Amino acid sequence: PKSSFITPEKRAKLRSNPVKVHFAEEVEVNGHSQGNSLLFLPNVLKVYLENGQTKAFKFEPSTTVKDIVMTLKEKLSLSRIEHFSLVLEQQHSISKLLLLHDEEGIQQVVQKKEAHDYRCLFRVCFMPRSLQTLLQEDPAAFEYLYLQGVNDVLQERFAIEMRCNTALRLAALHIQERLSSCGQSPKTNLKIIKTWGIENFVSSTLLRNMREKDLRKAIGYHMKKSQLQHDPKQKSVDQTRINYLEELADLRSFGGKSFSATM
């Protein structure tokens, strides 16, 4: 039977102008990419950036990890490149990252690793001693590190040691950063979270374990507490990002202070 929800006019329009279908190179199932996530082509490497972009790099037998890192340095206008490297992420275990050394050949890397099981990421792997110094000397690298921190929290890369209160404090700081970026007051009504989507500030685990109403209330509490703790004159976007990263730095697994190794 014909659907009663579609009018004859709508049906005629659909026949004359059918819906177009676009085929993606990758399909995600439960947050994991299906298909070849390491290579576009046999000699073209995919590199995933923390800003959501994916870059393609054609490589020769002589191409090294350092060659790609230095190319990304130019593309992203970075100066403190010593903090960055390429890593391989195991698709179904995002807490497991394999650091690639500068002199490793890309061809050897892709031949050793099963292409369907890994993604190549460009990350800040060596943390700066001072966030303030990094901000002053390389604002682009500082912003990249902040985006990486936010993504790691939302993807639950630190799930093993992330406590509920820490996640709520980070969500509060993330919202404060967004408000500052939009030129809005930190005291803006938290109903704006509904507009932005609370899932953009807390992990899926927290969403499953707490009612949204309770989440907003808890985040509101931590936002007020944060406003009392920090100097009102330091409510800039950059300062809020520093506060966020300093909160993250208390986690042992952040920045490689503690990590598992296989001998």
Protein backbone atom coordinates (compact mmCIF):
# COMPACT_ATOMS: atom_id res chain seq x y z
CA PRO A 1 0.00 0.00 0.00
CA LYS A 2 1.10 3.54 -0.69
CA SER A 3 2.21 5.60 2.28
CA SER A 4 -0.39 8.07 3.50
CA PHE A 5 2.43 10.28 4.80
CA ILE A 6 3.58 11.23 1.28
CA THR A 7 1.32 13.50 -0.72
CA PRO A 8 0.85 12.91 -4.47
CA GLU A 9 2.81 16.14 -5.11
CA LYS A 10 5.73 14.92 -2.98
CA ARG A 11 5.68 11.51 -4.69
CA ALA A 12 5.80 13.14 -8.13
CA LYS A 13 8.69 15.36 -7.03
CA LEU A 14 10.66 12.35 -5.77
CA ARG A 15 10.15 10.55 -9.09
CA SER A 16 11.38 13.55 -11.08
CA ASN A 17 14.25 14.34 -8.69
CA PRO A 18 15.35 11.10 -6.97
CA VAL A 19 17.45 11.21 -3.82
CA LYS A 20 21.16 11.07 -4.60
CA VAL A 21 23.33 8.54 -2.77
CA HIS A 22 26.98 9.25 -1.99
CA PHE A 23 29.30 6.33 -1.29
CA ALA A 24 31.87 6.92 1.45
CA GLU A 25 35.36 5.46 1.38
CA GLU A 26 34.81 4.27 4.96
CA VAL A 27 31.82 3.12 6.95
CA GLU A 28 31.69 3.46 10.72
CA VAL A 29 30.03 0.79 12.86
CA ASN A 30 29.82 1.56 16.59
CA GLY A 31 32.41 4.29 16.15
CA HIS A 32 34.92 2.06 14.34
CA SER A 33 35.86 2.46 10.68
CA GLN A 34 35.22 -0.48 8.42
CA GLY A 35 37.45 -0.97 5.39
CA ASN A 36 41.04 0.06 4.84
CA SER A 37 41.77 2.79 7.39
CA LEU A 38 45.54 2.90 6.92
CA LEU A 39 45.76 3.32 3.14
CA PHE A 40 43.81 5.17 0.45
CA LEU A 41 45.77 3.24 -2.20
CA PRO A 42 48.66 0.76 -1.92
CA ASN A 43 51.14 3.67 -1.87
CA VAL A 44 48.97 6.42 -0.32
CA LEU A 45 48.87 6.71 3.48
CA LYS A 46 45.87 8.13 5.36
CA VAL A 47 46.78 10.37 8.28
CA TYR A 48 44.02 11.42 10.67
CA LEU A 49 44.29 14.85 12.32
CA GLU A 50 42.75 16.01 15.60
CA ASN A 51 40.77 18.74 13.80
CA GLY A 52 38.71 16.08 12.04
CA GLN A 53 40.57 16.25 8.73
CA THR A 54 42.19 13.33 6.92
CA LYS A 55 45.31 13.91 4.83
CA ALA A 56 46.60 11.64 2.06
CA PHE A 57 50.34 11.14 1.51
CA LYS A 58 51.81 9.33 -1.45
CA PHE A 59 54.96 7.55 -0.32
CA GLU A 60 58.01 6.09 -2.04
CA PRO A 61 60.23 3.25 -0.77
CA SER A 62 62.51 5.91 0.76
CA THR A 63 59.76 7.96 2.50
CA THR A 64 60.16 8.09 6.29
CA VAL A 65 57.89 9.05 9.17
CA LYS A 66 59.88 12.27 9.55
CA ASP A 67 59.15 13.24 5.92
CA ILE A 68 55.41 13.16 6.60
CA VAL A 69 55.74 14.91 9.96
CA MET A 70 57.71 17.76 8.36
CA THR A 71 55.14 18.07 5.56
CA LEU A 72 52.38 18.37 8.17
CA LYS A 73 54.46 20.98 9.97
CA GLU A 74 54.22 23.18 6.88
CA LYS A 75 50.56 22.42 6.15
CA LEU A 76 49.46 23.22 9.71
CA SER A 77 51.90 26.14 10.25
CA LEU A 78 53.52 24.52 13.29
CA SER A 79 56.91 25.56 14.66
CA ARG A 80 57.39 23.36 17.77
CA ILE A 81 57.28 20.17 15.72
CA GLU A 82 59.45 18.31 18.26
CA HIS A 83 56.28 17.66 20.28
CA PHE A 84 54.59 15.78 17.41
CA SER A 85 54.84 12.35 15.85
CA LEU A 86 52.84 9.75 13.94
CA VAL A 87 51.26 6.91 15.88
CA LEU A 88 49.28 3.84 14.93
CA GLU A 89 45.99 3.32 16.72
CA GLN A 90 44.52 -0.15 16.97
CA GLN A 91 40.94 0.14 15.69
CA HIS A 92 39.19 -1.73 18.49
CA SER A 93 41.46 -0.60 21.33
CA ILE A 94 41.88 3.18 21.19
CA SER A 95 43.89 3.18 24.41
CA LYS A 96 46.66 1.33 22.55
CA LEU A 97 48.90 3.64 20.51
CA LEU A 98 52.12 2.59 18.77
CA LEU A 99 54.67 5.39 18.44
CA LEU A 100 56.47 5.51 15.09
CA HIS A 101 60.11 6.63 15.14
CA ASP A 102 61.27 9.40 12.80
CA GLU A 103 63.54 7.19 10.71
CA GLU A 104 61.05 4.36 10.17
CA GLY A 105 60.15 3.81 6.52
CA ILE A 106 56.44 4.21 5.76
CA GLN A 107 56.52 1.29 3.34
CA GLN A 108 57.92 -0.99 6.07
CA VAL A 109 55.31 0.26 8.56
CA VAL A 110 52.32 -0.51 6.32
CA GLN A 111 53.76 -3.89 5.35
CA LYS A 112 54.19 -4.90 8.99
CA LYS A 113 50.76 -3.82 10.19
CA GLU A 114 47.45 -5.24 9.04
CA ALA A 115 45.95 -2.25 7.23
CA HIS A 116 42.38 -3.02 8.30
CA ASP A 117 43.27 -3.00 12.00
CA TYR A 118 45.10 0.31 12.35
CA ARG A 119 44.76 4.04 11.73
CA CYS A 120 47.67 6.46 11.45
CA LEU A 121 47.25 9.54 13.65
CA PHE A 122 49.23 12.78 13.88
CA ARG A 123 49.45 13.61 17.58
CA VAL A 124 51.25 15.58 20.24
CA CYS A 125 53.26 12.73 21.77
CA PHE A 126 55.86 14.64 23.78
CA MET A 127 54.22 17.05 26.20
CA PRO A 128 55.62 20.55 26.70
CA ARG A 129 57.02 21.42 30.12
CA SER A 130 54.99 24.62 30.13
CA LEU A 131 51.61 25.07 28.45
CA GLN A 132 51.98 28.84 28.73
CA THR A 133 55.31 28.74 26.88
CA LEU A 134 53.85 26.55 24.13
CA LEU A 135 50.94 28.97 23.75
CA GLN A 136 53.32 31.91 23.40
CA GLU A 137 55.80 30.21 21.07
CA ASP A 138 53.42 28.17 18.90
CA PRO A 139 49.69 29.01 19.24
CA ALA A 140 48.80 26.52 16.48
CA ALA A 141 50.49 23.64 18.34
CA PHE A 142 48.78 24.69 21.58
CA GLU A 143 45.35 24.68 19.91
CA TYR A 144 46.10 21.27 18.37
CA LEU A 145 47.00 19.88 21.81
CA TYR A 146 43.75 21.25 23.25
CA LEU A 147 41.68 19.64 20.46
CA GLN A 148 43.55 16.38 21.04
CA GLY A 149 42.76 16.52 24.76
CA VAL A 150 39.06 17.14 24.13
CA ASN A 151 38.88 14.31 21.58
CA ASP A 152 40.68 11.91 23.91
CA VAL A 153 38.19 12.65 26.69
CA LEU A 154 35.11 12.24 24.48
CA GLN A 155 36.50 9.04 22.91
CA GLU A 156 37.31 7.73 26.41
CA ARG A 157 41.01 7.20 25.78
CA PHE A 158 41.57 7.67 29.53
CA ALA A 159 38.56 5.59 30.60
CA ILE A 160 40.58 3.29 32.89
CA GLU A 161 41.44 6.10 35.33
CA MET A 162 38.87 8.80 34.49
CA ARG A 163 36.64 9.40 37.50
CA CYS A 164 33.14 10.81 37.18
CA ASN A 165 34.01 14.08 38.95
CA THR A 166 37.03 14.62 36.70
CA ALA A 167 34.88 14.06 33.60
CA LEU A 168 32.30 16.56 34.91
CA ARG A 169 34.97 19.19 35.67
CA LEU A 170 36.39 18.76 32.17
CA ALA A 171 32.92 19.09 30.65
CA ALA A 172 32.39 22.32 32.63
CA LEU A 173 35.71 23.75 31.39
CA HIS A 174 34.92 22.67 27.82
CA ILE A 175 31.59 24.52 27.95
CA GLN A 176 33.29 27.59 29.45
CA GLU A 177 35.80 27.51 26.58
CA ARG A 178 32.95 27.29 24.05
CA LEU A 179 31.15 30.21 25.71
CA SER A 180 34.34 32.31 25.65
CA SER A 181 34.93 31.40 22.00
CA CYS A 182 31.41 32.60 21.16
CA GLY A 183 31.83 35.81 23.18
CA GLN A 184 29.15 34.78 25.67
CA SER A 185 29.15 35.23 29.43
CA PRO A 186 30.23 32.26 31.60
CA LYS A 187 26.93 32.79 33.45
CA THR A 188 24.89 32.03 30.32
CA ASN A 189 21.87 29.80 31.01
CA LEU A 190 22.92 26.15 30.74
CA LYS A 191 19.91 25.46 28.53
CA ILE A 192 22.27 26.41 25.71
CA ILE A 193 23.83 22.95 26.17
CA LYS A 194 20.65 21.52 24.64
CA THR A 195 21.27 23.61 21.53
CA TRP A 196 24.89 22.50 21.25
CA GLY A 197 24.19 18.89 22.26
CA ILE A 198 25.41 17.57 25.60
CA GLU A 199 27.05 14.62 23.79
CA ASN A 200 29.68 17.10 22.53
CA PHE A 201 30.91 17.65 26.10
CA VAL A 202 30.63 14.30 27.89
CA SER A 203 31.48 10.72 26.97
CA SER A 204 28.90 8.17 25.88
CA THR A 205 29.48 6.22 29.12
CA LEU A 206 28.55 9.24 31.24
CA LEU A 207 25.47 9.79 29.07
CA ARG A 208 24.38 6.20 29.64
CA ASN A 209 24.94 6.30 33.39
CA MET A 210 23.40 9.68 34.25
CA ARG A 211 20.15 11.37 33.32
CA GLU A 212 20.66 14.46 31.16
CA LYS A 213 18.93 16.63 33.77
CA ASP A 214 21.36 15.41 36.46
CA LEU A 215 24.30 15.89 34.11
CA ARG A 216 23.38 19.52 33.43
CA LYS A 217 22.95 20.15 37.16
CA ALA A 218 26.34 18.59 38.00
CA ILE A 219 28.11 20.46 35.18
CA GLY A 220 26.49 23.72 36.34
CA TYR A 221 27.84 23.12 39.85
CA HIS A 222 31.38 22.58 38.54
CA MET A 223 31.13 25.66 36.32
CA LYS A 224 30.24 27.84 39.32
CA LYS A 225 33.01 26.24 41.37
CA SER A 226 35.53 26.87 38.57
CA GLN A 227 34.48 30.52 38.34
CA LEU A 228 35.21 30.94 42.06
CA GLN A 229 38.58 29.17 41.84
CA HIS A 230 40.00 31.10 38.87
CA ASP A 231 40.70 34.81 38.59
CA PRO A 232 37.81 36.51 36.69
CA LYS A 233 40.45 38.38 34.68
CA GLN A 234 41.70 35.03 33.35
CA LYS A 235 38.51 33.97 31.60
CA SER A 236 39.99 34.17 28.10
CA VAL A 237 39.66 31.28 25.65
CA ASP A 238 43.37 30.46 25.98
CA GLN A 239 43.33 30.49 29.78
CA THR A 240 40.29 28.21 29.87
CA ARG A 241 42.10 25.83 27.51
CA ILE A 242 45.14 25.87 29.81
CA ASN A 243 42.87 25.08 32.78
CA TYR A 244 41.38 22.17 30.81
CA LEU A 245 44.78 20.71 29.91
CA GLU A 246 46.06 21.17 33.48
CA GLU A 247 43.06 19.19 34.73
CA LEU A 248 43.88 16.47 32.19
CA ALA A 249 47.54 16.50 33.24
CA ASP A 250 46.54 15.07 36.63
CA LEU A 251 45.77 11.78 34.85
CA ARG A 252 48.79 9.47 34.86
CA SER A 253 48.11 8.19 31.34
CA PHE A 254 48.01 11.73 29.90
CA GLY A 255 51.26 12.56 28.16
CA GLY A 256 52.74 9.10 28.66
CA LYS A 257 53.55 9.47 32.37
CA SER A 258 52.23 5.95 32.78
CA PHE A 259 51.75 3.40 30.03
CA SER A 260 51.65 -0.33 29.48
CA ALA A 261 54.44 -2.07 27.58
CA THR A 262 54.91 -5.51 26.06
CA MET A 263 58.38 -7.02 26.44
